C-alpha cells in the first residue's frame, strides 16, 4: 500500500483511496470533508421509518449538488418538513409548497419539494401495504453473493449504481415515487447500511460489518 502525501501535510491518501491521519489511522478518502458523518453515521443500519423517508428525500434534494451542502442544511430541512413525519408531510398543500419555497434554509427547488410531498404519500401507502416502510425497503437488501469482494477507490469511481439500487429504484417508481433514480438509491442504500461501502481497510469497515451482523432486519 503506497501512501501519497496530500497538499498541506498531515493527511496522506493511499493508492487504494484510503486517507491516513496523523496517527496512520485509515479512513475513506472523503472522510476529512465530513468526519463526524463518516465515523458515526454513514453506513450504520437504519430501521426507523421516518429516518428512512428523510434520507430518501435528502438524497433527492442532493441531486446535482454536493452532499456536504445538504448535510449542512439538514436541521433546517427537519424543521421545515416536520422532522420528516411523512404522515404529516403527506397532508401538505400548495400553500405548504409556497411556504417551503420561501425558506432560505433549505434547497428551494419546486420540483424537489413537490417530490418530497408526493413521496410522503407513497411512503404511507407502502407502510400500509407492508406493515412498515422499513420492512418493505429492507427486503431489497442485496445478498452477500451480490456484493463486491473488495470496496476500494476503483470500485467507488466505477459503480455509482448497483444491480440492487436499480431494482429498488424501479420498484419505487412503479409505486409512484419520484427523484429515486438508481444513483440516488445507491447513495441511500450506502448511507442507511443496506450495503457496507466503507472501503476495505477503513477503520469503520469492520465496525459496520459488526453493526450489520447484529442488526435485526425489520419485517
Protein backbone atom coordinates (compact mmCIF):
# COMPACT_ATOMS: atom_id res chain seq x y z
CA UNK A 1 0.00 0.00 0.00
CA UNK A 2 1.72 3.15 -1.23
CA UNK A 3 0.99 6.41 0.59
CA UNK A 4 0.92 9.71 -1.28
CA UNK A 5 1.24 12.87 0.81
CA UNK A 6 -1.52 15.38 0.13
CA UNK A 7 -1.03 19.12 -0.09
CA UNK A 8 -0.95 20.72 3.34
CA UNK A 9 0.58 17.69 5.06
CA UNK A 10 -0.79 15.72 7.98
CA UNK A 11 -3.07 13.54 5.86
CA UNK A 12 -1.99 11.03 3.24
CA UNK A 13 -4.01 9.10 0.65
CA UNK A 14 -3.10 5.54 -0.24
CA UNK A 15 -3.32 4.12 -3.73
CA UNK A 16 -6.49 2.31 -2.63
CA UNK A 17 -8.17 5.62 -1.78
CA UNK A 18 -7.78 5.42 1.98
CA UNK A 19 -6.84 8.51 3.97
CA UNK A 20 -4.24 8.13 6.68
CA UNK A 21 -4.47 10.63 9.51
CA UNK A 22 -1.50 11.88 11.53
CA UNK A 23 -1.54 8.66 13.57
CA UNK A 24 -1.74 6.47 10.47
CA UNK A 25 -5.40 5.51 11.03
CA UNK A 26 -7.06 4.70 7.66
CA UNK A 27 -10.44 6.04 6.62
CA UNK A 28 -12.33 6.53 3.36
CA UNK A 29 -10.87 9.24 1.13
CA UNK A 30 -13.88 11.57 1.61
CA UNK A 31 -13.81 11.47 5.43
CA UNK A 32 -11.97 14.79 6.02
CA UNK A 33 -14.86 16.75 4.48
CA UNK A 34 -17.46 15.14 6.78
CA UNK A 35 -15.58 13.46 9.66
CA UNK A 36 -18.44 13.01 12.13
CA UNK A 37 -20.87 11.82 9.45
CA UNK A 38 -18.33 9.30 8.14
CA UNK A 39 -17.24 7.99 11.53
CA UNK A 40 -20.56 7.89 13.38
CA UNK A 41 -23.47 7.76 10.93
CA UNK A 42 -22.78 6.76 7.34
CA UNK A 43 -23.36 3.06 6.72
CA UNK A 44 -24.84 2.24 10.10
CA UNK A 45 -28.10 0.28 9.69
CA UNK A 46 -31.31 2.31 10.00
CA UNK A 47 -34.76 0.81 10.59
CA UNK A 48 -36.75 3.87 11.66
CA UNK A 49 -39.39 4.69 9.04
CA UNK A 50 -39.13 8.42 9.47
CA UNK A 51 -35.36 8.47 9.12
CA UNK A 52 -35.51 6.26 6.02
CA UNK A 53 -38.05 8.57 4.39
CA UNK A 54 -35.90 11.55 5.37
CA UNK A 55 -32.83 10.00 3.80
CA UNK A 56 -34.58 9.28 0.50
CA UNK A 57 -35.86 12.86 0.44
CA UNK A 58 -32.47 14.39 1.20
CA UNK A 59 -30.74 12.22 -1.38
CA UNK A 60 -33.31 13.52 -3.87
CA UNK A 61 -32.61 17.11 -2.87
CA UNK A 62 -28.90 16.41 -3.25
CA UNK A 63 -29.17 15.54 -6.96
CA UNK A 64 -26.84 17.88 -8.81
CA UNK A 65 -25.30 19.20 -5.58
CA UNK A 66 -22.60 18.19 -3.11
CA UNK A 67 -23.83 16.07 -0.19
CA UNK A 68 -21.99 18.35 2.28
CA UNK A 69 -24.38 21.15 1.22
CA UNK A 70 -27.40 19.04 2.17
CA UNK A 71 -25.80 17.85 5.39
CA UNK A 72 -25.24 21.44 6.50
CA UNK A 73 -28.91 22.20 5.82
CA UNK A 74 -30.29 19.01 7.39
CA UNK A 75 -31.58 20.62 10.59
CA UNK A 76 -33.31 23.32 8.56
CA UNK A 77 -34.89 20.61 6.40
CA UNK A 78 -36.07 18.76 9.51
CA UNK A 79 -37.69 21.90 10.89
CA UNK A 80 -39.29 22.77 7.55
CA UNK A 81 -40.66 19.25 6.94
CA UNK A 82 -42.00 18.49 10.43
CA UNK A 83 -38.98 16.27 11.19
CA UNK A 84 -39.92 14.19 8.13
CA UNK A 85 -43.05 12.79 9.72
CA UNK A 86 -44.41 11.51 6.43
CA UNK A 87 -47.95 11.20 7.76
CA UNK A 88 -47.90 14.99 8.25
CA UNK A 89 -45.96 15.80 5.07
CA UNK A 90 -48.49 13.75 3.08
CA UNK A 91 -51.14 16.31 4.06
CA UNK A 92 -49.17 19.29 2.75
CA UNK A 93 -50.97 21.51 0.26
CA UNK A 94 -49.96 24.07 -2.35
CA UNK A 95 -49.78 26.56 0.48
CA UNK A 96 -47.06 24.48 2.09
CA UNK A 97 -45.18 24.32 -1.19
CA UNK A 98 -45.12 28.12 -1.27
CA UNK A 99 -44.06 28.23 2.38
CA UNK A 100 -41.16 25.91 1.64
CA UNK A 101 -40.18 27.86 -1.47
CA UNK A 102 -39.77 30.88 0.79
CA UNK A 103 -37.49 29.07 3.25
CA UNK A 104 -33.90 30.13 2.60
CA UNK A 105 -32.59 27.42 4.93
CA UNK A 106 -33.40 24.58 2.53
CA UNK A 107 -32.90 23.90 -1.17
CA UNK A 108 -35.69 25.88 -2.82
CA UNK A 109 -36.35 23.67 -5.82
CA UNK A 110 -40.06 23.39 -6.53
CA UNK A 111 -39.87 20.03 -8.28
CA UNK A 112 -37.91 18.51 -5.39
CA UNK A 113 -40.27 19.96 -2.78
CA UNK A 114 -43.29 18.61 -4.63
CA UNK A 115 -41.48 15.27 -4.91
CA UNK A 116 -40.91 15.09 -1.15
CA UNK A 117 -44.65 15.60 -0.56
CA UNK A 118 -45.56 13.05 -3.23
CA UNK A 119 -43.11 10.56 -1.73
CA UNK A 120 -44.62 11.04 1.73
CA UNK A 121 -47.94 9.86 0.33
CA UNK A 122 -46.19 6.94 -1.35
CA UNK A 123 -44.42 6.10 1.93
CA UNK A 124 -47.77 5.94 3.71
CA UNK A 125 -49.10 3.57 1.08
CA UNK A 126 -46.06 1.31 1.38
CA UNK A 127 -46.25 1.31 5.17
CA UNK A 128 -49.91 0.24 4.92
CA UNK A 129 -49.01 -2.46 2.40
CA UNK A 130 -46.01 -3.94 4.21
CA UNK A 131 -46.67 -3.00 7.84
CA UNK A 132 -43.78 -0.53 7.82
CA UNK A 133 -41.76 1.41 5.29
CA UNK A 134 -38.58 -0.12 6.68
CA UNK A 135 -39.91 -3.65 6.28
CA UNK A 136 -40.57 -3.05 2.59
CA UNK A 137 -37.27 -1.27 1.90
CA UNK A 138 -35.05 -3.78 3.67
CA UNK A 139 -36.45 -6.61 1.54
CA UNK A 140 -34.31 -5.08 -1.21
CA UNK A 141 -31.03 -5.53 0.66
CA UNK A 142 -28.64 -7.37 -1.68
CA UNK A 143 -27.29 -10.75 -0.66
CA UNK A 144 -23.64 -11.26 0.24
CA UNK A 145 -23.16 -13.03 -3.09
CA UNK A 146 -24.19 -9.85 -4.93
CA UNK A 147 -21.59 -7.72 -3.19
CA UNK A 148 -18.07 -6.99 -4.48
CA UNK A 149 -15.15 -8.82 -2.88
CA UNK A 150 -13.34 -5.51 -2.36
CA UNK A 151 -14.58 -1.95 -1.99
CA UNK A 152 -11.78 0.43 -2.99
CA UNK A 153 -11.38 3.69 -4.88
CA UNK A 154 -11.61 1.93 -8.25
CA UNK A 155 -14.92 0.36 -7.21
CA UNK A 156 -16.22 3.74 -5.96
CA UNK A 157 -15.29 5.56 -9.15
CA UNK A 158 -16.85 2.95 -11.41
CA UNK A 159 -20.01 1.95 -9.54
CA UNK A 160 -22.33 4.93 -8.93
CA UNK A 161 -25.19 2.43 -9.14
CA UNK A 162 -25.66 -1.27 -8.48
CA UNK A 163 -28.00 -4.02 -9.59
CA UNK A 164 -29.76 -3.76 -6.22
CA UNK A 165 -30.18 0.03 -6.43
CA UNK A 166 -31.55 -0.29 -9.97
CA UNK A 167 -34.07 -2.89 -8.83
CA UNK A 168 -35.17 -0.83 -5.83
CA UNK A 169 -35.36 2.33 -7.94
CA UNK A 170 -37.67 0.62 -10.42
CA UNK A 171 -39.84 -0.79 -7.62
CA UNK A 172 -40.23 2.66 -6.04
CA UNK A 173 -41.04 4.30 -9.37
CA UNK A 174 -43.72 1.69 -10.05
CA UNK A 175 -45.32 2.81 -6.79
CA UNK A 176 -45.25 6.47 -7.78
CA UNK A 177 -42.06 7.72 -6.09
CA UNK A 178 -40.04 10.44 -7.82
CA UNK A 179 -36.41 11.57 -7.65
CA UNK A 180 -35.43 7.98 -6.88
CA UNK A 181 -33.10 7.09 -9.74
CA UNK A 182 -30.54 4.27 -9.35
CA UNK A 183 -27.71 6.64 -8.38
CA UNK A 184 -29.84 8.34 -5.72
CA UNK A 185 -30.96 4.99 -4.36
CA UNK A 186 -27.42 3.60 -4.37
CA UNK A 187 -26.35 6.52 -2.18
CA UNK A 188 -29.38 5.88 0.04
CA UNK A 189 -28.50 2.20 0.43
CA UNK A 190 -24.89 3.10 1.31
CA UNK A 191 -25.97 5.65 3.90
CA UNK A 192 -28.54 3.53 5.76
CA UNK A 193 -26.45 0.39 5.96
CA UNK A 194 -28.15 -1.79 3.36
CA UNK A 195 -24.63 -2.21 2.00
CA UNK A 196 -21.25 -1.61 3.62
CA UNK A 197 -19.27 0.63 1.31
CA UNK A 198 -16.68 1.90 3.72
CA UNK A 199 -13.52 0.92 1.90
CA UNK A 200 -11.68 -2.22 2.83
CA UNK A 201 -9.08 -1.10 5.34
CA UNK A 202 -11.13 1.85 6.62
CA UNK A 203 -11.28 1.84 10.41
CA UNK A 204 -15.09 1.90 10.14
CA UNK A 205 -15.42 -1.05 7.75
CA UNK A 206 -15.34 -3.77 10.38
CA UNK A 207 -17.46 -1.67 12.76
CA UNK A 208 -20.17 -1.50 10.12
CA UNK A 209 -19.87 -5.22 9.40
CA UNK A 210 -20.40 -5.91 13.10
CA UNK A 211 -23.35 -3.50 13.26
CA UNK A 212 -24.93 -5.11 10.20
CA UNK A 213 -24.39 -8.54 11.70
CA UNK A 214 -26.15 -7.56 14.91
CA UNK A 215 -28.92 -5.65 13.13
CA UNK A 216 -32.39 -7.19 13.28
CA UNK A 217 -33.91 -6.72 9.83
CA UNK A 218 -37.43 -5.25 10.04
CA UNK A 219 -40.39 -7.19 8.83
